[in-house]
Protein backbone atom coordinates (compact mmCIF):
# COMPACT_ATOMS: atom_id res chain seq x y z
CA MET A 1 6.26 7.59 19.75
CA GLU A 2 4.06 4.48 19.52
CA ARG A 3 1.05 6.45 20.76
CA LEU A 4 1.68 9.21 18.25
CA ALA A 5 1.96 6.61 15.42
CA LEU A 6 -1.28 4.93 16.63
CA ILE A 7 -3.11 8.30 16.71
CA THR A 8 -1.87 8.99 13.17
CA ILE A 9 -3.37 5.67 12.01
CA ILE A 10 -6.67 6.17 13.87
CA LEU A 11 -7.31 9.78 12.87
CA PRO A 12 -8.39 9.09 9.30
CA PHE A 13 -10.82 6.39 10.51
CA VAL A 14 -12.36 8.82 13.00
CA GLY A 15 -12.58 11.43 10.24
CA ALA A 16 -14.34 8.87 7.95
CA PHE A 17 -16.96 8.24 10.64
CA ILE A 18 -17.59 11.95 11.12
CA VAL A 19 -17.74 12.55 7.39
CA GLY A 20 -20.30 9.76 7.05
CA LEU A 21 -22.60 11.55 9.53
CA ASN A 22 -22.36 14.94 7.88
CA LYS A 23 -24.48 16.17 4.93
CA LYS A 24 -22.67 19.48 4.64
CA HIS A 25 -19.02 20.51 4.61
CA PHE A 26 -17.92 16.83 4.51
CA ALA A 27 -15.22 17.57 1.93
CA GLN A 28 -13.67 20.20 4.15
CA ILE A 29 -13.87 17.92 7.18
CA ALA A 30 -12.13 15.14 5.30
CA THR A 31 -9.40 17.51 4.19
CA VAL A 32 -8.82 18.68 7.74
CA PHE A 33 -8.45 15.07 9.01
CA ALA A 34 -6.13 14.17 6.12
CA ALA A 35 -4.05 17.22 7.00
CA LEU A 36 -3.91 16.22 10.70
CA ALA A 37 -2.81 12.68 9.74
CA THR A 38 -0.08 14.19 7.58
CA LEU A 39 1.03 16.35 10.51
CA GLY A 40 1.07 13.19 12.64
CA THR A 41 3.47 11.44 10.26
CA MET A 42 5.72 14.48 10.36
CA LEU A 43 5.69 14.45 14.15
CA VAL A 44 6.41 10.76 14.31
CA ALA A 45 9.37 11.15 11.91
CA GLY A 46 10.69 14.14 13.85
CA GLN A 47 10.34 12.36 17.24
CA TRP A 48 12.04 9.25 15.86
CA PHE A 49 14.96 11.35 14.47
CA ALA A 50 15.30 13.27 17.74
CA ASP A 51 15.44 10.03 19.79
CA GLY A 52 18.52 8.82 17.91
CA HIS A 53 16.97 7.60 14.63
CA GLN A 54 17.45 3.91 15.53
CA SER A 55 14.99 1.28 14.37
CA VAL A 56 12.42 0.60 17.15
CA THR A 57 9.44 -1.71 17.38
CA TYR A 58 6.53 -1.37 19.81
CA ASP A 59 4.03 -4.21 20.36
CA ILE A 60 0.54 -2.71 20.79
CA VAL A 61 -1.81 -5.76 20.55
CA ALA A 62 -0.50 -9.12 21.90
CA PHE A 63 -2.06 -12.32 23.19
CA ASP A 64 -0.03 -14.55 25.42
CA LYS A 65 3.21 -12.86 24.42
CA THR A 66 2.39 -13.23 20.70
CA ALA A 67 2.41 -9.87 18.95
CA ILE A 68 -0.65 -9.41 16.71
CA PHE A 69 -0.07 -5.81 15.87
CA GLY A 70 2.68 -3.34 16.53
CA VAL A 71 4.51 -0.45 14.92
CA THR A 72 8.01 -0.30 13.54
CA LEU A 73 9.64 3.10 13.25
CA ASP A 74 12.75 3.37 11.14
CA ALA A 75 14.05 5.38 8.18
CA VAL A 76 11.88 3.47 5.66
CA SER A 77 8.57 3.47 7.54
CA THR A 78 8.74 7.08 8.58
CA LEU A 79 9.58 8.20 5.07
CA ILE A 80 6.99 6.10 3.26
CA ALA A 81 4.28 6.87 5.84
CA PHE A 82 4.78 10.57 5.34
CA ALA A 83 4.69 10.10 1.52
CA VAL A 84 1.49 8.08 1.33
CA VAL A 85 -0.41 10.15 3.88
CA ALA A 86 0.72 13.52 2.50
CA LEU A 87 -0.21 12.46 -0.99
CA GLY A 88 -3.60 11.37 0.36
CA PHE A 89 -4.04 14.82 1.78
CA LEU A 90 -3.22 16.41 -1.55
CA ILE A 91 -5.66 14.07 -3.33
CA CYS A 92 -8.36 14.95 -0.83
CA LEU A 93 -7.69 18.66 -1.35
CA TYR A 94 -7.77 18.18 -5.14
CA SER A 95 -11.05 16.29 -4.86
CA CYS A 96 -12.69 19.35 -3.28
CA GLY A 97 -12.22 21.21 -6.50
CA TYR A 98 -12.65 18.25 -8.94
CA LEU A 99 -15.86 16.75 -7.58
CA THR A 100 -18.11 19.76 -8.18
CA ASP A 101 -20.86 20.61 -10.61
CA LYS A 102 -18.58 23.31 -12.03
CA ASN A 103 -16.25 20.63 -13.52
CA ARG A 104 -16.79 21.07 -17.28
CA GLU A 105 -15.98 17.45 -18.21
CA HIS A 106 -17.37 15.64 -15.20
CA PRO A 107 -19.91 17.85 -13.43
CA HIS A 108 -20.67 15.96 -10.20
CA ASN A 109 -20.82 17.01 -6.59
CA GLY A 110 -18.90 14.57 -4.44
CA LEU A 111 -20.75 12.43 -1.93
CA PRO A 112 -19.83 11.75 1.67
CA ARG A 113 -19.03 8.12 0.90
CA PHE A 114 -16.32 9.20 -1.51
CA TYR A 115 -14.40 11.16 1.20
CA ALA A 116 -15.17 8.58 3.90
CA PHE A 117 -13.61 5.76 1.86
CA LEU A 118 -10.70 7.98 0.86
CA LEU A 119 -9.94 8.70 4.53
CA ILE A 120 -10.19 4.99 5.40
CA PHE A 121 -7.79 4.35 2.53
CA ILE A 122 -5.31 6.86 3.93
CA GLY A 123 -5.56 5.38 7.45
CA ALA A 124 -5.09 1.83 6.14
CA MET A 125 -2.02 2.87 4.18
CA ALA A 126 -0.50 4.45 7.31
CA GLY A 127 -1.32 1.32 9.34
CA LEU A 128 0.21 -0.99 6.83
CA VAL A 129 3.40 1.02 6.53
CA TYR A 130 3.89 1.25 10.29
CA SER A 131 2.88 -2.34 11.01
CA SER A 132 5.58 -4.59 12.51
CA THR A 133 3.68 -7.88 12.01
CA LEU A 134 2.40 -9.81 9.01
CA ALA A 135 -1.01 -10.03 10.75
CA GLY A 136 -1.21 -6.27 10.91
CA GLN A 137 -0.06 -5.93 7.34
CA LEU A 138 -2.71 -8.46 6.28
CA LEU A 139 -5.49 -6.51 8.09
CA PHE A 140 -4.71 -3.20 6.43
CA PHE A 141 -3.91 -4.96 3.10
CA GLU A 142 -7.46 -6.18 2.98
CA ILE A 143 -8.91 -2.80 4.03
CA THR A 144 -7.14 -1.11 1.15
CA GLY A 145 -8.63 -3.73 -1.18
CA GLY A 146 -12.17 -2.97 0.05
CA CYS A 147 -11.69 0.79 -0.24
CA SER A 148 -10.30 0.47 -3.78
CA TRP A 149 -13.41 -1.47 -4.75
CA ALA A 150 -15.66 1.25 -3.32
CA LEU A 151 -13.72 4.12 -4.90
CA ILE A 152 -13.21 2.51 -8.36
CA SER A 153 -16.94 1.78 -8.61
CA TYR A 154 -17.88 5.25 -7.31
CA TYR A 155 -19.71 6.42 -10.45
CA GLN A 156 -21.76 3.16 -10.36
CA THR A 157 -21.60 2.65 -14.15
CA PRO A 158 -21.51 -0.97 -15.40
CA LYS A 159 -17.89 -0.52 -16.55
CA ALA A 160 -16.84 1.01 -13.22
CA GLN A 161 -18.51 -1.76 -11.27
CA ALA A 162 -16.88 -4.50 -13.38
CA ALA A 163 -13.47 -2.82 -13.02
CA ALA A 164 -13.91 -2.58 -9.28
CA MET A 165 -14.91 -6.22 -8.97
CA LYS A 166 -11.91 -7.26 -11.05
CA ALA A 167 -9.55 -5.25 -8.81
CA LEU A 168 -11.15 -6.72 -5.70
CA ILE A 169 -10.96 -10.33 -6.85
CA ILE A 170 -7.40 -10.14 -8.22
CA THR A 171 -5.98 -8.41 -5.17
CA HIS A 172 -7.78 -10.88 -2.87
CA VAL A 173 -6.24 -13.74 -4.83
CA GLY A 174 -2.89 -12.07 -4.17
CA ALA A 175 -3.80 -11.79 -0.51
CA ILE A 176 -3.79 -15.59 -0.29
CA GLY A 177 0.02 -15.38 -0.43
CA LEU A 178 0.12 -13.11 2.61
CA TYR A 179 -2.29 -15.40 4.51
CA ILE A 180 0.01 -18.33 3.78
CA ALA A 181 3.10 -16.28 4.75
CA ALA A 182 1.57 -15.16 8.03
CA ALA A 183 0.32 -18.61 8.96
CA TYR A 184 3.54 -20.31 8.09
CA LEU A 185 5.66 -17.71 9.97
CA PHE A 186 3.50 -18.26 13.02
CA SER A 187 3.76 -22.07 12.73
CA GLN A 188 7.51 -21.89 12.58
CA SER A 189 8.30 -19.12 15.05
CA GLY A 190 5.22 -18.68 17.25
CA THR A 191 4.90 -15.04 16.32
CA PHE A 192 3.68 -12.81 13.51
CA SER A 193 6.52 -10.36 13.93
CA ILE A 194 8.30 -9.66 10.64
CA THR A 195 11.66 -9.64 12.44
CA ALA A 196 11.20 -13.34 13.24
CA LEU A 197 11.97 -14.05 9.55
CA GLU A 198 15.67 -13.67 10.27
CA HIS A 199 15.63 -16.69 12.56
CA LEU A 200 13.89 -19.12 10.20
CA ASP A 201 15.75 -21.85 8.38
CA PRO A 202 16.28 -21.20 4.64
CA SER A 203 13.42 -23.37 3.41
CA ALA A 204 10.86 -21.74 5.76
CA LYS A 205 12.22 -18.30 4.94
CA THR A 206 11.76 -19.06 1.23
CA ILE A 207 8.14 -20.09 1.72
CA VAL A 208 7.25 -16.95 3.68
CA LEU A 209 9.04 -14.62 1.26
CA PHE A 210 7.44 -16.24 -1.81
CA GLY A 211 4.02 -15.74 -0.10
CA VAL A 212 4.75 -12.12 0.52
CA MET A 213 6.04 -11.74 -3.06
CA PHE A 214 2.86 -13.28 -4.51
CA ALA A 215 0.72 -10.79 -2.53
CA ALA A 216 2.97 -7.99 -3.70
CA TRP A 217 2.48 -9.01 -7.31
CA GLY A 218 -1.29 -8.81 -6.86
CA LYS A 219 -1.33 -5.37 -5.25
CA SER A 220 1.41 -3.85 -7.44
CA ALA A 221 -0.11 -5.14 -10.67
CA GLN A 222 2.76 -7.36 -11.77
CA LEU A 223 2.41 -10.38 -14.09
CA PRO A 224 0.39 -12.60 -13.85
CA MET A 225 -2.00 -10.27 -11.94
CA GLN A 226 -1.49 -7.00 -13.76
CA ILE A 227 -4.82 -6.63 -15.59
CA TRP A 228 -6.78 -4.96 -12.83
CA LEU A 229 -4.88 -1.65 -12.95
CA PRO A 230 -5.66 -0.48 -16.50
CA ASN A 231 -9.33 -1.22 -15.97
CA ALA A 232 -9.31 0.63 -12.64
CA MET A 233 -9.03 3.92 -14.53
CA GLU A 234 -12.85 3.96 -14.63
CA ALA A 235 -12.53 5.57 -11.19
CA PRO A 236 -12.76 9.34 -10.71
CA THR A 237 -9.51 11.09 -11.61
CA PRO A 238 -8.50 11.80 -7.98
CA VAL A 239 -8.83 8.09 -7.22
CA SER A 240 -6.78 7.19 -10.25
CA ALA A 241 -4.13 9.63 -9.10
CA TYR A 242 -3.97 8.09 -5.63
CA LEU A 243 -3.90 4.57 -7.00
CA HIS A 244 -0.80 5.43 -9.05
CA ALA A 245 0.84 7.79 -6.62
CA ALA A 246 0.80 6.11 -3.25
CA SER A 247 -1.94 3.65 -2.44
CA MET A 248 -2.67 0.14 -3.69
CA VAL A 249 0.19 -0.27 -6.13
CA LYS A 250 2.77 0.78 -3.55
CA VAL A 251 1.45 -1.57 -0.92
CA GLY A 252 2.93 -4.56 -2.77
CA VAL A 253 6.45 -3.25 -3.17
CA TYR A 254 6.44 -1.99 0.42
CA ILE A 255 5.49 -5.31 2.05
CA PHE A 256 8.10 -7.08 -0.04
CA ALA A 257 10.72 -4.49 0.87
CA ARG A 258 9.85 -4.74 4.57
CA SER A 259 10.27 -8.54 4.52
CA VAL A 260 13.57 -8.32 2.65
CA MET A 261 14.81 -5.78 5.20
CA SER A 262 13.99 -8.10 8.08
CA ALA A 263 14.95 -11.47 6.69
CA GLY A 264 18.71 -11.32 7.07
CA GLU A 265 20.42 -13.81 4.74
CA ILE A 266 17.98 -14.58 1.99
CA PRO A 267 17.98 -17.66 -0.29
CA HIS A 268 19.07 -16.60 -3.79
CA ILE A 269 16.04 -18.22 -5.39
CA VAL A 270 13.85 -15.41 -3.98
CA GLY A 271 15.88 -12.65 -5.64
CA GLU A 272 16.23 -14.58 -8.86
CA VAL A 273 12.53 -15.21 -9.27
CA GLY A 274 11.81 -11.61 -8.36
CA ILE A 275 14.20 -10.23 -11.04
CA ILE A 276 12.89 -12.62 -13.74
CA MET A 277 9.22 -11.75 -13.13
CA ALA A 278 9.97 -8.08 -12.87
CA MET A 279 11.89 -8.17 -16.20
CA ILE A 280 9.01 -10.00 -17.93
CA THR A 281 6.49 -7.50 -16.58
CA LEU A 282 8.70 -4.61 -17.60
CA ILE A 283 8.88 -5.77 -21.26
CA TYR A 284 5.17 -6.57 -21.29
CA GLY A 285 4.22 -3.14 -19.94
CA PHE A 286 6.47 -1.38 -22.49
CA LEU A 287 4.91 -3.34 -25.39
CA MET A 288 1.44 -2.48 -24.09
CA TYR A 289 2.26 1.26 -24.32
CA LEU A 290 2.14 1.07 -28.09
CA PRO A 291 -1.52 0.25 -28.87
CA GLN A 292 -2.99 2.61 -26.21
CA THR A 293 -5.19 5.50 -27.25
CA ASP A 294 -6.59 6.26 -23.82
CA LEU A 295 -4.22 8.42 -21.75
CA LYS A 296 -5.26 6.91 -18.38
CA ARG A 297 -4.68 3.36 -19.59
CA LEU A 298 -1.29 4.47 -20.93
CA LEU A 299 -0.53 5.85 -17.52
CA ALA A 300 -1.58 2.57 -15.95
CA TYR A 301 0.92 0.58 -18.07
CA SER A 302 3.56 3.16 -17.32
CA THR A 303 2.94 2.61 -13.59
CA ILE A 304 3.23 -1.18 -14.05
CA THR A 305 6.65 -0.82 -15.67
CA GLN A 306 7.93 1.69 -13.06
CA LEU A 307 6.89 -0.71 -10.34
CA SER A 308 8.89 -3.40 -12.09
CA TYR A 309 12.00 -1.28 -11.69
CA ILE A 310 11.30 -1.13 -7.92
CA PHE A 311 10.87 -4.93 -7.78
CA ILE A 312 14.17 -5.34 -9.60
CA GLY A 313 15.91 -3.17 -6.96
CA ILE A 314 14.35 -5.03 -4.05
CA SER A 315 15.18 -8.39 -5.66
CA LEU A 316 18.77 -7.32 -6.10
CA ALA A 317 18.72 -6.34 -2.42
CA ALA A 318 17.56 -9.90 -1.66
CA LEU A 319 20.69 -11.03 -3.44
CA GLY A 320 22.83 -8.78 -1.17
CA SER A 321 22.96 -5.34 -2.74
CA LYS A 322 22.34 -2.60 -0.15
CA LEU A 323 22.69 0.09 -2.85
CA ALA A 324 19.89 -1.50 -4.87
CA PHE A 325 17.59 -1.39 -1.83
CA VAL A 326 18.27 2.30 -1.23
CA ALA A 327 17.64 3.00 -4.90
CA ALA A 328 14.36 1.05 -4.86
CA ILE A 329 13.05 2.86 -1.77
CA SER A 330 14.11 6.23 -3.16
CA TYR A 331 12.47 5.51 -6.53
């Protein structure tokens, strides 16, 4: 299963390389590779279920018994991986029809770089979801940030470039939390494995979880780092759709959920802070609905508030509610 999961992660990157070398039929090639990656997630999920559907972790890259990157296969990772990759395939398919000179509102033939970065985005999302270590999550976390910058600025207008730079800077500020979390976890346990969280003392566990939560706020556009998402709507519509449906904004809630799943008994302060910040963001996002006249910006604020609901569910799970966690993942 680990080889199949690894192939699923690598396929979009290989596709991106091939697309970058092609001047013709690159959209079709990208769609084929996105479809193959989707098939890979389905096969991984099917194999995991057939083998007894128990949570398993495989270390793939390790130095001196320290796991740097591995894959975790369980009900959450197999479900979310299929969702994000399958949605990426649908966005890729949609882009083939949208990015043409026959588009009445935005006549423009897509360029190879659009499809290459979209495929890298899909591969990074799959890698992050399957990753069993904070170091692996951090690697793919940063790749998604670079891809979002390239895709948001795709039209190369001043507004698009400014929006892309804002998204890149804010999400990288959020990434500092994940750097701190990974470094502190390693200093306390000698490993980057997320499952090591369970064996930390409460104070160390709190520091790591707050670092992950800060990174999650940045990627999922929660206060105080929410402003990048409305401006990111300068991107082509397929990119906007993927940002809202499965990519950057879902990275944050997923890494927080994965840490909460693995941490065992969690200090209540983590859940309390998560709920308070999610409630503040929820109210803020609702109030920002009212003055909007641009439909895509309205959608952005809607996404911010919906993500707040997921943060509330995961924070309640940190306080001990299993039902809240199931609801958050399902939502």
